[in-house]
C-alpha atoms as a PDB file:
ATOM      1  CA  MET A   1      88.858  98.439  73.828  1.00  0.00           C
ATOM      2  CA  GLY A   2      90.962  95.794  74.804  1.00  0.00           C
ATOM      3  CA  LEU A   3      90.313  94.207  78.931  1.00  0.00           C
ATOM      4  CA  ASP A   4      92.827  92.449  81.154  1.00  0.00           C
ATOM      5  CA  PHE A   5      91.235  91.197  84.363  1.00  0.00           C
ATOM      6  CA  GLY A   6      92.869  90.168  87.372  1.00  0.00           C
ATOM      7  CA  THR A   7      92.927  90.416  91.107  1.00  0.00           C
ATOM      8  CA  TYR A   8      96.748  92.950  91.348  1.00  0.00           C
ATOM      9  CA  HIS A   9      94.381  95.262  89.227  1.00  0.00           C
ATOM     10  CA  ALA A  10      90.631  94.688  88.448  1.00  0.00           C
ATOM     11  CA  ILE A  11      90.869  95.609  84.696  1.00  0.00           C
ATOM     12  CA  ALA A  12      93.537  97.122  82.779  1.00  0.00           C
ATOM     13  CA  CYS A  13      92.170  98.980  79.759  1.00  0.00           C
ATOM     14  CA  SER A  14      94.277  98.727  76.431  1.00  0.00           C
ATOM     15  CA  ASP A  15      93.839 103.174  76.958  1.00  0.00           C
ATOM     16  CA  GLY A  16      96.340 103.030  80.277  1.00  0.00           C
ATOM     17  CA  THR A  17      92.754 103.268  82.541  1.00  0.00           C
ATOM     18  CA  ILE A  18      93.335 100.837  85.733  1.00  0.00           C
ATOM     19  CA  ILE A  19      90.038 100.331  87.499  1.00  0.00           C
ATOM     20  CA  ASP A  20      91.594  98.690  90.943  1.00  0.00           C
ATOM     21  CA  ASN A  21      90.553  95.948  93.126  1.00  0.00           C
ATOM     22  CA  PRO A  22      87.471  97.524  95.519  1.00  0.00           C
ATOM     23  CA  LYS A  23      88.195  94.253  97.595  1.00  0.00           C
ATOM     24  CA  PHE A  24      84.559  94.194  98.968  1.00  0.00           C
ATOM     25  CA  LEU A  25      85.351  90.595 100.653  1.00  0.00           C
ATOM     26  CA  ALA A  26      88.651  91.638 102.103  1.00  0.00           C
ATOM     27  CA  ASN A  27      87.280  94.633 103.479  1.00  0.00           C
ATOM     28  CA  THR A  28      84.446  92.917 105.658  1.00  0.00           C
ATOM     29  CA  GLN A  29      86.026  89.417 106.232  1.00  0.00           C
ATOM     30  CA  GLN A  30      87.123  90.255 110.155  1.00  0.00           C
ATOM     31  CA  LYS A  31      83.449  91.025 110.906  1.00  0.00           C
ATOM     32  CA  VAL A  32      82.550  87.878 108.674  1.00  0.00           C
ATOM     33  CA  GLU A  33      84.852  85.661 110.754  1.00  0.00           C
ATOM     34  CA  GLN A  34      83.723  87.332 114.416  1.00  0.00           C
ATOM     35  CA  THR A  35      80.168  86.792 113.534  1.00  0.00           C
ATOM     36  CA  SER A  36      80.492  83.151 112.081  1.00  0.00           C
ATOM     37  CA  LYS A  37      82.788  82.670 115.613  1.00  0.00           C
ATOM     38  CA  LYS A  38      79.409  83.929 117.734  1.00  0.00           C
ATOM     39  CA  LEU A  39      77.512  81.619 115.641  1.00  0.00           C
ATOM     40  CA  ARG A  40      79.245  78.650 116.627  1.00  0.00           C
ATOM     41  CA  ARG A  41      78.874  79.100 119.929  1.00  0.00           C
ATOM     42  CA  LYS A  42      75.302  79.392 119.916  1.00  0.00           C
ATOM     43  CA  ARG A  43      73.035  76.461 120.109  1.00  0.00           C
ATOM     44  CA  ALA A  44      72.108  75.318 116.513  1.00  0.00           C
ATOM     45  CA  PRO A  45      69.371  73.446 115.630  1.00  0.00           C
ATOM     46  CA  ASN A  46      69.179  69.736 115.505  1.00  0.00           C
ATOM     47  CA  PHE A  47      66.086  67.960 113.475  1.00  0.00           C
ATOM     48  CA  LYS A  48      67.209  64.551 114.534  1.00  0.00           C
ATOM     49  CA  LYS A  49      67.583  65.301 117.960  1.00  0.00           C
ATOM     50  CA  LYS A  50      64.532  67.852 117.916  1.00  0.00           C
ATOM     51  CA  ILE A  51      66.765  70.749 119.185  1.00  0.00           C
ATOM     52  CA  LYS A  52      65.649  74.059 118.248  1.00  0.00           C
ATOM     53  CA  ALA A  53      67.614  76.909 117.545  1.00  0.00           C
ATOM     54  CA  SER A  54      68.390  79.596 120.253  1.00  0.00           C
ATOM     55  CA  LYS A  55      67.377  82.896 120.155  1.00  0.00           C
ATOM     56  CA  ARG A  56      70.865  84.173 120.169  1.00  0.00           C
ATOM     57  CA  TRP A  57      71.818  81.737 116.997  1.00  0.00           C
ATOM     58  CA  ARG A  58      69.427  83.246 114.615  1.00  0.00           C
ATOM     59  CA  LYS A  59      69.968  86.657 115.790  1.00  0.00           C
ATOM     60  CA  ALA A  60      73.932  85.713 115.199  1.00  0.00           C
ATOM     61  CA  ARG A  61      72.564  84.392 111.731  1.00  0.00           C
ATOM     62  CA  LYS A  62      71.041  86.936 110.638  1.00  0.00           C
ATOM     63  CA  GLN A  63      73.825  89.383 111.230  1.00  0.00           C
ATOM     64  CA  LYS A  64      76.125  87.335 109.234  1.00  0.00           C
ATOM     65  CA  SER A  65      73.343  86.803 105.713  1.00  0.00           C
ATOM     66  CA  LYS A  66      73.430  90.386 106.814  1.00  0.00           C
ATOM     67  CA  LEU A  67      76.808  91.007 106.090  1.00  0.00           C
ATOM     68  CA  GLN A  68      77.342  88.721 103.241  1.00  0.00           C
ATOM     69  CA  ASN A  69      74.122  90.270 101.474  1.00  0.00           C
ATOM     70  CA  LYS A  70      75.863  93.818 101.519  1.00  0.00           C
ATOM     71  CA  VAL A  71      79.339  92.790 100.308  1.00  0.00           C
ATOM     72  CA  ALA A  72      77.129  90.856  97.413  1.00  0.00           C
ATOM     73  CA  CYS A  73      74.935  94.065  97.176  1.00  0.00           C
ATOM     74  CA  SER A  74      77.705  96.306  96.786  1.00  0.00           C
ATOM     75  CA  ARG A  75      79.760  94.277  94.128  1.00  0.00           C
ATOM     76  CA  GLN A  76      77.014  93.725  92.072  1.00  0.00           C
ATOM     77  CA  ASP A  77      76.323  97.254  91.984  1.00  0.00           C
ATOM     78  CA  TRP A  78      80.207  98.251  91.397  1.00  0.00           C
ATOM     79  CA  GLN A  79      80.316  95.644  88.355  1.00  0.00           C
ATOM     80  CA  HIS A  80      76.919  97.552  86.766  1.00  0.00           C
ATOM     81  CA  LYS A  81      78.750 100.489  86.994  1.00  0.00           C
ATOM     82  CA  VAL A  82      81.772  99.455  85.374  1.00  0.00           C
ATOM     83  CA  ALA A  83      80.592  97.713  82.493  1.00  0.00           C
ATOM     84  CA  ALA A  84      78.306 100.972  81.710  1.00  0.00           C
ATOM     85  CA  GLN A  85      81.073 102.925  81.856  1.00  0.00           C
ATOM     86  CA  ILE A  86      82.942 101.067  79.563  1.00  0.00           C
ATOM     87  CA  VAL A  87      80.241 100.273  76.953  1.00  0.00           C
ATOM     88  CA  SER A  88      79.170 103.761  77.034  1.00  0.00           C
ATOM     89  CA  SER A  89      81.985 104.763  74.662  1.00  0.00           C
ATOM     90  CA  ASN A  90      83.447 101.786  72.947  1.00  0.00           C
ATOM     91  CA  SER A  91      81.575  99.449  70.459  1.00  0.00           C
ATOM     92  CA  LEU A  92      84.536  96.878  70.564  1.00  0.00           C
ATOM     93  CA  VAL A  93      85.551  95.166  73.496  1.00  0.00           C
ATOM     94  CA  ALA A  94      88.269  92.510  73.193  1.00  0.00           C
ATOM     95  CA  THR A  95      89.433  90.091  76.317  1.00  0.00           C
ATOM     96  CA  GLU A  96      91.153  86.601  77.025  1.00  0.00           C
ATOM     97  CA  LYS A  97      88.701  83.879  77.407  1.00  0.00           C
ATOM     98  CA  LEU A  98      89.024  82.782  80.599  1.00  0.00           C
ATOM     99  CA  ASN A  99      88.597  79.463  82.193  1.00  0.00           C
ATOM    100  CA  ILE A 100      87.114  81.065  85.982  1.00  0.00           C
ATOM    101  CA  LYS A 101      85.600  77.346  86.618  1.00  0.00           C
ATOM    102  CA  GLY A 102      89.293  76.051  86.396  1.00  0.00           C
ATOM    103  CA  MET A 103      90.913  79.145  87.938  1.00  0.00           C
ATOM    104  CA  THR A 104      89.019  78.858  91.203  1.00  0.00           C
ATOM    105  CA  ARG A 105      89.109  75.161  91.382  1.00  0.00           C
ATOM    106  CA  LYS A 106      89.983  73.937  94.860  1.00  0.00           C
ATOM    107  CA  ALA A 107      93.788  72.924  95.881  1.00  0.00           C
ATOM    108  CA  THR A 108      93.675  68.972  96.236  1.00  0.00           C
ATOM    109  CA  ALA A 109      96.280  67.114  98.363  1.00  0.00           C
ATOM    110  CA  VAL A 110      99.022  65.130  96.629  1.00  0.00           C
ATOM    111  CA  ARG A 111      99.606  61.598  97.498  1.00  0.00           C
ATOM    112  CA  SER A 112     102.823  60.710  98.205  1.00  0.00           C
ATOM    113  CA  SER A 113     104.483  57.494  97.075  1.00  0.00           C
ATOM    114  CA  ARG A 114     104.539  54.359  99.306  1.00  0.00           C
ATOM    115  CA  GLU A 115     108.311  54.774 100.159  1.00  0.00           C
ATOM    116  CA  THR A 116     107.752  58.003 102.157  1.00  0.00           C
ATOM    117  CA  ARG A 117     104.118  57.104 103.516  1.00  0.00           C
ATOM    118  CA  PRO A 118     103.245  53.321 103.409  1.00  0.00           C
ATOM    119  CA  HIS A 119      99.756  53.503 104.233  1.00  0.00           C
ATOM    120  CA  GLY A 120      99.015  55.556 101.171  1.00  0.00           C
ATOM    121  CA  CYS A 121      97.508  58.687 102.882  1.00  0.00           C
ATOM    122  CA  LEU A 122      97.435  61.994 101.594  1.00  0.00           C
ATOM    123  CA  LYS A 123     100.251  64.134 102.008  1.00  0.00           C
ATOM    124  CA  LYS A 124      99.788  67.629 103.600  1.00  0.00           C
ATOM    125  CA  ASP A 125     100.749  70.758 101.396  1.00  0.00           C
ATOM    126  CA  SER A 126      99.077  73.320 103.634  1.00  0.00           C
ATOM    127  CA  LYS A 127     100.947  76.232 102.363  1.00  0.00           C
ATOM    128  CA  ARG A 128      99.969  75.453  98.615  1.00  0.00           C
ATOM    129  CA  LYS A 129      96.376  74.647  99.600  1.00  0.00           C
ATOM    130  CA  HIS A 130      96.401  78.571 101.694  1.00  0.00           C
ATOM    131  CA  GLN A 131      98.008  80.170  98.800  1.00  0.00           C
ATOM    132  CA  LYS A 132      95.374  78.757  96.531  1.00  0.00           C
ATOM    133  CA  THR A 133      92.300  79.429  98.869  1.00  0.00           C
ATOM    134  CA  GLY A 134      93.441  82.943  99.160  1.00  0.00           C
ATOM    135  CA  LEU A 135      93.895  83.161  95.016  1.00  0.00           C
ATOM    136  CA  ASN A 136      90.367  81.407  94.906  1.00  0.00           C
ATOM    137  CA  ARG A 137      88.766  84.624  97.252  1.00  0.00           C
ATOM    138  CA  SER A 138      90.406  86.977  95.387  1.00  0.00           C
ATOM    139  CA  LEU A 139      89.442  85.952  91.881  1.00  0.00           C
ATOM    140  CA  LEU A 140      85.788  85.706  93.184  1.00  0.00           C
ATOM    141  CA  ASP A 141      85.240  89.077  95.280  1.00  0.00           C
ATOM    142  CA  VAL A 142      86.445  90.940  92.072  1.00  0.00           C
ATOM    143  CA  GLY A 143      83.547  88.294  89.888  1.00  0.00           C
ATOM    144  CA  ILE A 144      85.129  88.223  86.410  1.00  0.00           C
ATOM    145  CA  GLY A 145      82.674  86.028  84.799  1.00  0.00           C
ATOM    146  CA  ASN A 146      79.692  87.951  86.242  1.00  0.00           C
ATOM    147  CA  LEU A 147      81.239  91.072  84.867  1.00  0.00           C
ATOM    148  CA  ILE A 148      82.081  89.540  81.452  1.00  0.00           C
ATOM    149  CA  SER A 149      78.624  88.561  81.364  1.00  0.00           C
ATOM    150  CA  LEU A 150      77.378  92.065  82.244  1.00  0.00           C
ATOM    151  CA  ILE A 151      79.805  93.552  79.401  1.00  0.00           C
ATOM    152  CA  LYS A 152      78.189  91.031  77.038  1.00  0.00           C
ATOM    153  CA  TYR A 153      74.725  91.824  77.955  1.00  0.00           C
ATOM    154  CA  LYS A 154      75.221  95.463  77.593  1.00  0.00           C
ATOM    155  CA  LEU A 155      76.708  95.335  74.404  1.00  0.00           C
ATOM    156  CA  SER A 156      73.819  93.358  72.700  1.00  0.00           C
ATOM    157  CA  GLU A 157      71.654  96.411  73.879  1.00  0.00           C
ATOM    158  CA  CYS A 158      74.215  98.764  71.605  1.00  0.00           C
ATOM    159  CA  SER A 159      75.110  96.364  68.554  1.00  0.00           C
ATOM    160  CA  GLY A 160      78.390  96.071  69.582  1.00  0.00           C
ATOM    161  CA  VAL A 161      81.022  93.139  69.013  1.00  0.00           C
ATOM    162  CA  PHE A 162      82.905  91.312  71.934  1.00  0.00           C
ATOM    163  CA  VAL A 163      86.079  89.451  70.929  1.00  0.00           C
ATOM    164  CA  ASP A 164      87.028  86.133  73.313  1.00  0.00           C
ATOM    165  CA  VAL A 165      91.199  85.826  72.613  1.00  0.00           C
ATOM    166  CA  PRO A 166      92.072  82.387  72.752  1.00  0.00           C
ATOM    167  CA  LEU A 167      95.350  81.645  75.034  1.00  0.00           C
ATOM    168  CA  LYS A 168      97.535  80.409  72.501  1.00  0.00           C
ATOM    169  CA  ILE A 169      98.178  84.449  71.896  1.00  0.00           C
ATOM    170  CA  ALA A 170      99.589  84.863  75.484  1.00  0.00           C
ATOM    171  CA  PRO A 171      99.314  88.185  76.010  1.00  0.00           C
ATOM    172  CA  SER A 172     100.969  88.937  78.983  1.00  0.00           C
ATOM    173  CA  GLN A 173     103.713  87.148  77.410  1.00  0.00           C
ATOM    174  CA  THR A 174     103.812  89.616  74.247  1.00  0.00           C
ATOM    175  CA  CYS A 175     104.810  93.044  73.713  1.00  0.00           C
ATOM    176  CA  PRO A 176     102.100  95.212  72.236  1.00  0.00           C
ATOM    177  CA  GLN A 177     104.452  97.191  69.965  1.00  0.00           C
ATOM    178  CA  CYS A 178     106.681  94.477  68.151  1.00  0.00           C
ATOM    179  CA  GLY A 179     105.238  91.186  68.799  1.00  0.00           C
ATOM    180  CA  TYR A 180     108.000  90.018  70.431  1.00  0.00           C
ATOM    181  CA  LYS A 181     107.488  87.499  73.083  1.00  0.00           C
ATOM    182  CA  LYS A 182     109.168  86.912  76.159  1.00  0.00           C
ATOM    183  CA  LYS A 183     108.161  84.419  79.359  1.00  0.00           C
ATOM    184  CA  LYS A 184     107.846  86.447  82.366  1.00  0.00           C
ATOM    185  CA  GLU A 185     107.221  85.793  86.127  1.00  0.00           C
ATOM    186  CA  LEU A 186     104.129  86.946  88.222  1.00  0.00           C
ATOM    187  CA  SER A 187     106.498  88.930  89.992  1.00  0.00           C
ATOM    188  CA  GLU A 188     106.984  91.022  87.248  1.00  0.00           C
ATOM    189  CA  ARG A 189     104.657  93.721  87.634  1.00  0.00           C
ATOM    190  CA  VAL A 190     105.916  96.040  84.398  1.00  0.00           C
ATOM    191  CA  HIS A 191     106.992  95.486  80.731  1.00  0.00           C
ATOM    192  CA  ASN A 192     110.136  95.854  79.467  1.00  0.00           C
ATOM    193  CA  CYS A 193     110.466  94.609  76.127  1.00  0.00           C
ATOM    194  CA  GLU A 194     113.878  93.828  75.256  1.00  0.00           C
ATOM    195  CA  ASN A 195     113.448  94.309  71.103  1.00  0.00           C
ATOM    196  CA  CYS A 196     111.917  97.639  71.107  1.00  0.00           C
ATOM    197  CA  ASN A 197     112.665  99.273  74.471  1.00  0.00           C
ATOM    198  CA  PHE A 198     108.982  99.608  74.909  1.00  0.00           C
ATOM    199  CA  THR A 199     107.682 100.067  78.691  1.00  0.00           C
ATOM    200  CA  ALA A 200     104.577  99.591  79.996  1.00  0.00           C
ATOM    201  CA  ASP A 201     102.426  97.968  83.063  1.00  0.00           C
ATOM    202  CA  ARG A 202     102.410  94.586  82.477  1.00  0.00           C
ATOM    203  CA  ASP A 203      98.197  93.969  82.453  1.00  0.00           C
ATOM    204  CA  VAL A 204      97.889  97.387  80.195  1.00  0.00           C
ATOM    205  CA  ALA A 205     100.379  95.900  77.939  1.00  0.00           C
ATOM    206  CA  ALA A 206      97.954  92.510  77.612  1.00  0.00           C
ATOM    207  CA  SER A 207      95.203  94.703  77.321  1.00  0.00           C
ATOM    208  CA  MET A 208      97.048  96.229  74.241  1.00  0.00           C
ATOM    209  CA  VAL A 209      97.913  92.963  72.740  1.00  0.00           C
ATOM    210  CA  MET A 210      94.276  91.773  72.848  1.00  0.00           C
ATOM    211  CA  LEU A 211      93.252  95.136  70.930  1.00  0.00           C
ATOM    212  CA  ASN A 212      95.728  94.428  68.239  1.00  0.00           C
ATOM    213  CA  TYR A 213      94.223  90.996  67.901  1.00  0.00           C
ATOM    214  CA  ALA A 214      90.647  92.613  67.269  1.00  0.00           C
ATOM    215  CA  LYS A 215      91.661  94.661  65.556  1.00  0.00           C
ATOM    216  CA  GLY A 216      93.679  92.430  62.975  1.00  0.00           C
ATOM    217  CA  LEU A 217      90.768  90.453  62.684  1.00  0.00           C
ATOM    218  CA  GLY A 218      89.709  92.993  60.080  1.00  0.00           C
ATOM    219  CA  THR A 219      86.129  92.335  58.305  1.00  0.00           C
ATOM    220  CA  SER A 220      86.362  88.618  59.772  1.00  0.00           C
ATOM    221  CA  LEU A 221      84.602  89.860  63.148  1.00  0.00           C
ATOM    222  CA  SER A 222      81.929  87.330  62.650  1.00  0.00           C
ATOM    223  CA  ASN A 223      84.163  84.333  62.776  1.00  0.00           C
ATOM    224  CA  ALA A 224      84.193  81.820  65.850  1.00  0.00           C
ATOM    225  CA  ASP A 225      86.163  84.257  68.062  1.00  0.00           C
ATOM    226  CA  ALA A 226      84.615  87.119  67.503  1.00  0.00           C
ATOM    227  CA  GLU A 227      80.952  87.658  68.562  1.00  0.00           C
ATOM    228  CA  PRO A 228      78.626  89.831  67.425  1.00  0.00           C
ATOM    229  CA  LEU A 229      76.170  90.024  69.806  1.00  0.00           C
ATOM    230  CA  SER A 230      72.804  91.666  68.271  1.00  0.00           C
ATOM    231  CA  GLU A 231      72.152  92.884  64.991  1.00  0.00           C
ATOM    232  CA  THR A 232      69.934  95.560  65.744  1.00  0.00           C
ATOM    233  CA  THR A 233      69.315  97.944  68.731  1.00  0.00           C
ATOM    234  CA  GLN A 234      66.909  96.195  71.647  1.00  0.00           C
ATOM    235  CA  ASN A 235      64.853  98.262  73.527  1.00  0.00           C
ATOM    236  CA  CYS A 236      65.940  99.205  76.918  1.00  0.00           C
ATOM    237  CA  GLY A 237      63.355  99.336  79.803  1.00  0.00           C
ATOM    238  CA  SER A 238      61.235  97.858  82.486  1.00  0.00           C
ATOM    239  CA  PHE A 239      59.671  94.437  81.660  1.00  0.00           C
ATOM    240  CA  ARG A 240      56.293  96.521  81.428  1.00  0.00           C
ATOM    241  CA  LYS A 241      57.078  98.715  78.753  1.00  0.00           C
ATOM    242  CA  VAL A 242      58.528  95.684  76.422  1.00  0.00           C
ATOM    243  CA  GLN A 243      54.818  93.918  77.239  1.00  0.00           C
ATOM    244  CA  GLN A 244      53.310  96.884  76.054  1.00  0.00           C
ATOM    245  CA  LEU A 245      55.323  97.442  73.120  1.00  0.00           C
ATOM    246  CA  LYS A 246      54.812  94.052  72.060  1.00  0.00           C
ATOM    247  CA  ARG A 247      50.933  94.370  72.355  1.00  0.00           C
ATOM    248  CA  GLN A 248      50.582  96.947  69.969  1.00  0.00           C
ATOM    249  CA  LYS A 249      49.157  96.203  66.348  1.00  0.00           C
ATOM    250  CA  PRO A 250      51.564  97.289  63.558  1.00  0.00           C
ATOM    251  CA  ARG A 251      50.053 100.289  61.785  1.00  0.00           C
ATOM    252  CA  THR A 252      49.276  99.702  58.087  1.00  0.00           C
END
């Protein structure tokens, strides 16, 4: 199966299945902001001035931590279920090799020339900064990096193969049926090929291109782009069961 990760759709599969973004953080963002506002109005601790935190500050901090932990646990539970669903029916998974750290990098201000700003101060571009902040929040809300790690981990238990598709393939700009390439804007959510008139969802078409690339490797799945995760099936279960198996003496 080919997978395409994003923020509009969390996962788009090559068979046409689309898994929507659950938006755990976005659904509780208002409550978190309200709790943070209450927390800022309370007396915070200051060790230099020997000021102790008030009971209301501790209560508000506990409420904020509870909300954040609930979001993290819900996201992790969803990621485990989705990864198990994908691996249960597929022994080969192909997806684009993404640089999550670079994609979620903080937006920086652009230094203007001395003609417009003689003191060399930073030019404020609040619109771009807010857009980048919202994009980073959406990417981290899905948890693409952790989701890919879970898929690799579950594939290793069933001797599956994980293929990293290089960026030079340009899956979102390529037609999966004829291979015709055309640059598309981010606002274009439907793939319409001018060469073969093939129509599909943009993310689904990209996942189909990734799957075609993985199938094209053929017998060279052990190359650099493909990662055979395990040669033998590993024992799954609790840590205690694994230790018991290790302590057993081999029968002669």
